[in-house]
Amino acid sequence: GSLVPIIDAYRHQGVTFLMPSPEVELRGETIIDISHESLMRVWVRLRRWVEEEAQAAGIYRRLAESATLHAEGKAGLYRDPELGIALAWLRRARHANRAWAERYRPGFDEAMGFLRASQKAADDEERAKEAARQRELDQANALAEAERRRAEAERDAFPVFQYDEEQTNVILKKLSILRDFVVARRANRRDD
């Protein structure tokens, strides 16, 4: 296509920055190699592409290896930080497909299935933690309500010892502090 004249300018006889040699006809599937290191040293964008590709390939190879080990019963599903790294890679990767992956390691479909299963397990675990936090909050609210009822029952059972408004407010304040403590504890656990 439109890149052939540009590529040919850097691979003609006597200027062999790019390969294959000029005798080889370029086709859509032809892989172009940079044969002169000085070109790579001055081409900043290319260096960045190479670094990004190496990082993406490394993440994919680890993911595919982990998927294989998991299938063999030798490793568990991904958890953070590995899960977060792999998911971020998948979101960023413009080329994360079977053809790209097979250049580095077979098993792309298995790796993606492993990543989906890892994400589902993490989501299920987070839902279970949230449900436990909600149960704890419900129990704290029930305890606070039981304490309030007990205080009212004591007040009604012993009319001689009627609490004044100030004592009632102290009790209600203590119950409020207890509830706030449980809510704060719940929020801290969610952040963990």
Protein backbone atom coordinates (compact mmCIF):
# COMPACT_ATOMS: atom_id res chain seq x y z
CA GLY A 1 0.00 0.00 0.00
CA SER A 2 0.99 3.55 0.70
CA LEU A 3 3.90 2.57 2.98
CA VAL A 4 5.78 0.57 0.34
CA PRO A 5 7.59 3.59 -1.23
CA ILE A 6 8.65 4.79 2.23
CA ILE A 7 9.86 1.33 3.24
CA ASP A 8 11.63 0.89 -0.12
CA ALA A 9 13.52 4.16 0.43
CA TYR A 10 15.12 2.62 3.51
CA ARG A 11 15.91 -0.78 2.02
CA HIS A 12 17.28 -0.06 -1.44
CA GLN A 13 20.75 -1.18 -2.48
CA GLY A 14 23.38 0.46 -0.24
CA VAL A 15 20.82 1.74 2.33
CA THR A 16 19.83 -1.28 4.34
CA PHE A 17 18.09 0.23 7.33
CA LEU A 18 15.07 -2.03 6.81
CA MET A 19 14.76 -5.66 5.82
CA PRO A 20 13.88 -7.78 3.90
CA SER A 21 16.30 -6.87 1.16
CA PRO A 22 15.07 -5.00 -1.94
CA GLU A 23 14.87 -8.24 -3.94
CA VAL A 24 11.96 -9.43 -1.78
CA GLU A 25 8.54 -8.21 -2.88
CA LEU A 26 6.56 -6.65 -0.03
CA ARG A 27 3.13 -8.11 0.70
CA GLY A 28 0.57 -7.36 3.39
CA GLU A 29 1.92 -10.11 5.67
CA THR A 30 5.60 -9.25 5.17
CA ILE A 31 7.35 -8.47 8.44
CA ILE A 32 9.61 -5.45 8.24
CA ASP A 33 12.72 -5.61 10.41
CA ILE A 34 14.97 -2.74 11.38
CA SER A 35 18.45 -3.86 10.53
CA HIS A 36 20.46 -0.82 11.58
CA GLU A 37 20.70 -0.08 15.29
CA SER A 38 21.46 3.61 14.76
CA LEU A 39 17.95 4.03 13.35
CA MET A 40 16.52 2.56 16.55
CA ARG A 41 18.64 4.85 18.76
CA VAL A 42 17.31 8.05 17.18
CA TRP A 43 13.72 6.94 16.66
CA VAL A 44 12.21 7.82 20.06
CA ARG A 45 8.68 6.75 19.24
CA LEU A 46 9.93 3.39 18.02
CA ARG A 47 11.82 2.85 21.28
CA ARG A 48 8.63 3.61 23.21
CA TRP A 49 6.67 1.17 21.00
CA VAL A 50 9.28 -1.52 21.58
CA GLU A 51 9.16 -0.99 25.36
CA GLU A 52 5.34 -1.08 25.38
CA GLU A 53 5.32 -4.22 23.26
CA ALA A 54 7.84 -5.94 25.52
CA GLN A 55 5.79 -5.04 28.59
CA ALA A 56 2.53 -6.21 26.99
CA ALA A 57 4.14 -9.46 25.86
CA GLY A 58 5.52 -10.08 29.35
CA ILE A 59 2.13 -9.55 30.97
CA TYR A 60 0.46 -11.81 28.42
CA ARG A 61 3.08 -14.58 28.85
CA ARG A 62 2.61 -14.51 32.64
CA LEU A 63 -1.17 -14.59 32.20
CA ALA A 64 -1.03 -17.52 29.77
CA GLU A 65 1.39 -19.41 32.03
CA SER A 66 -0.85 -18.82 35.05
CA ALA A 67 -3.86 -20.04 33.05
CA THR A 68 -1.99 -23.23 32.17
CA LEU A 69 -0.92 -23.81 35.77
CA HIS A 70 -4.49 -23.17 36.95
CA ALA A 71 -5.85 -25.70 34.45
CA GLU A 72 -3.33 -28.22 35.82
CA GLY A 73 -4.44 -27.50 39.38
CA LYS A 74 -1.04 -25.98 40.25
CA ALA A 75 -2.14 -22.35 40.73
CA GLY A 76 -5.16 -20.40 41.84
CA LEU A 77 -7.04 -17.67 40.04
CA TYR A 78 -5.52 -14.22 39.80
CA ARG A 79 -6.04 -11.83 42.68
CA ASP A 80 -4.77 -8.30 43.09
CA PRO A 81 -2.24 -7.03 42.22
CA GLU A 82 -1.86 -9.54 39.34
CA LEU A 83 -5.54 -9.27 38.45
CA GLY A 84 -5.42 -5.47 38.33
CA ILE A 85 -2.30 -5.50 36.16
CA ALA A 86 -3.79 -8.00 33.70
CA LEU A 87 -7.10 -6.13 33.46
CA ALA A 88 -5.31 -2.81 32.90
CA TRP A 89 -3.21 -4.45 30.18
CA LEU A 90 -6.34 -5.80 28.49
CA ARG A 91 -8.02 -2.36 28.53
CA ARG A 92 -4.91 -0.67 27.08
CA ALA A 93 -3.95 -3.35 24.59
CA ARG A 94 -4.97 -2.42 21.08
CA HIS A 95 -3.65 -5.69 19.76
CA ALA A 96 -4.68 -8.24 22.38
CA ASN A 97 -6.03 -10.91 20.08
CA ARG A 98 -5.23 -14.52 19.25
CA ALA A 99 -2.95 -13.70 16.28
CA TRP A 100 -0.85 -11.26 18.33
CA ALA A 101 -0.69 -13.56 21.36
CA GLU A 102 0.38 -16.65 19.45
CA ARG A 103 3.65 -14.87 18.57
CA TYR A 104 4.54 -14.97 22.26
CA ARG A 105 2.79 -18.02 23.69
CA PRO A 106 -0.09 -20.26 22.65
CA GLY A 107 -3.27 -20.38 24.72
CA PHE A 108 -4.86 -16.95 24.21
CA ASP A 109 -8.45 -18.20 24.59
CA GLU A 110 -7.55 -20.12 27.76
CA ALA A 111 -5.77 -17.06 29.14
CA MET A 112 -8.81 -14.85 28.49
CA GLY A 113 -11.09 -17.45 30.11
CA PHE A 114 -8.77 -17.56 33.13
CA LEU A 115 -8.83 -13.75 33.34
CA ARG A 116 -12.66 -13.69 33.15
CA ALA A 117 -12.89 -16.39 35.86
CA SER A 118 -10.45 -14.43 38.04
CA GLN A 119 -12.50 -11.26 37.62
CA LYS A 120 -15.73 -13.10 38.45
CA ALA A 121 -14.19 -14.64 41.58
CA ALA A 122 -12.95 -11.20 42.71
CA ASP A 123 -16.38 -9.68 42.09
CA ASP A 124 -18.09 -12.53 43.99
CA GLU A 125 -15.67 -12.09 46.89
CA GLU A 126 -16.32 -8.34 47.01
CA ARG A 127 -20.10 -8.93 47.02
CA ALA A 128 -19.70 -11.42 49.88
CA LYS A 129 -17.60 -8.92 51.86
CA GLU A 130 -20.19 -6.21 51.26
CA ALA A 131 -22.97 -8.53 52.43
CA ALA A 132 -20.96 -9.32 55.59
CA ARG A 133 -20.42 -5.61 56.22
CA GLN A 134 -24.15 -5.02 55.78
CA ARG A 135 -24.98 -7.83 58.22
CA GLU A 136 -22.56 -6.30 60.74
CA LEU A 137 -24.17 -2.89 60.33
CA ASP A 138 -27.64 -4.42 60.71
CA GLN A 139 -26.51 -6.19 63.89
CA ALA A 140 -25.07 -2.95 65.30
CA ASN A 141 -28.30 -1.12 64.50
CA ALA A 142 -30.30 -3.91 66.13
CA LEU A 143 -28.06 -3.72 69.21
CA ALA A 144 -28.48 0.05 69.39
CA GLU A 145 -32.24 -0.33 69.07
CA ALA A 146 -32.27 -3.02 71.78
CA GLU A 147 -30.26 -0.73 74.08
CA ARG A 148 -32.69 2.10 73.42
CA ARG A 149 -35.65 -0.14 74.23
CA ARG A 150 -33.92 -1.44 77.36
CA ALA A 151 -33.26 2.11 78.54
CA GLU A 152 -36.90 3.04 77.91
CA ALA A 153 -38.10 -0.11 79.71
CA GLU A 154 -35.92 0.65 82.72
CA ARG A 155 -37.20 4.19 82.80
CA ASP A 156 -40.81 3.01 82.60
CA ALA A 157 -40.29 0.18 85.14
CA PHE A 158 -38.85 2.51 87.77
CA PRO A 159 -40.82 5.73 87.56
CA VAL A 160 -39.16 6.92 90.76
CA PHE A 161 -35.88 7.14 88.90
CA GLN A 162 -37.18 9.07 85.93
CA TYR A 163 -34.32 10.19 83.77
CA ASP A 164 -34.19 13.84 83.12
CA GLU A 165 -33.73 15.16 79.60
CA GLU A 166 -29.98 15.50 80.01
CA GLN A 167 -29.55 11.82 80.98
CA THR A 168 -31.70 10.73 78.05
CA ASN A 169 -29.58 12.80 75.69
CA VAL A 170 -26.39 11.23 77.08
CA ILE A 171 -27.76 7.75 76.41
CA LEU A 172 -28.89 8.70 72.91
CA LYS A 173 -25.48 10.27 72.22
CA LYS A 174 -23.73 7.05 73.30
CA LEU A 175 -25.96 5.04 70.97
CA SER A 176 -25.22 7.46 68.14
CA ILE A 177 -21.46 7.14 68.75
CA LEU A 178 -21.77 3.34 68.69
CA ARG A 179 -23.62 3.47 65.37
CA ASP A 180 -21.08 5.93 63.88
CA PHE A 181 -18.23 3.66 64.99
CA VAL A 182 -19.77 0.68 63.20
CA VAL A 183 -20.40 2.73 60.04
CA ALA A 184 -16.79 4.01 60.04
CA ARG A 185 -15.47 0.50 60.57
CA ARG A 186 -17.57 -0.70 57.66
CA ALA A 187 -16.21 2.07 55.41
CA ASN A 188 -12.61 1.24 56.41
CA ARG A 189 -13.08 -2.42 55.57
CA ARG A 190 -14.55 -1.51 52.18
CA ASP A 191 -11.42 0.53 51.43
CA ASP A 192 -9.25 -2.47 52.27
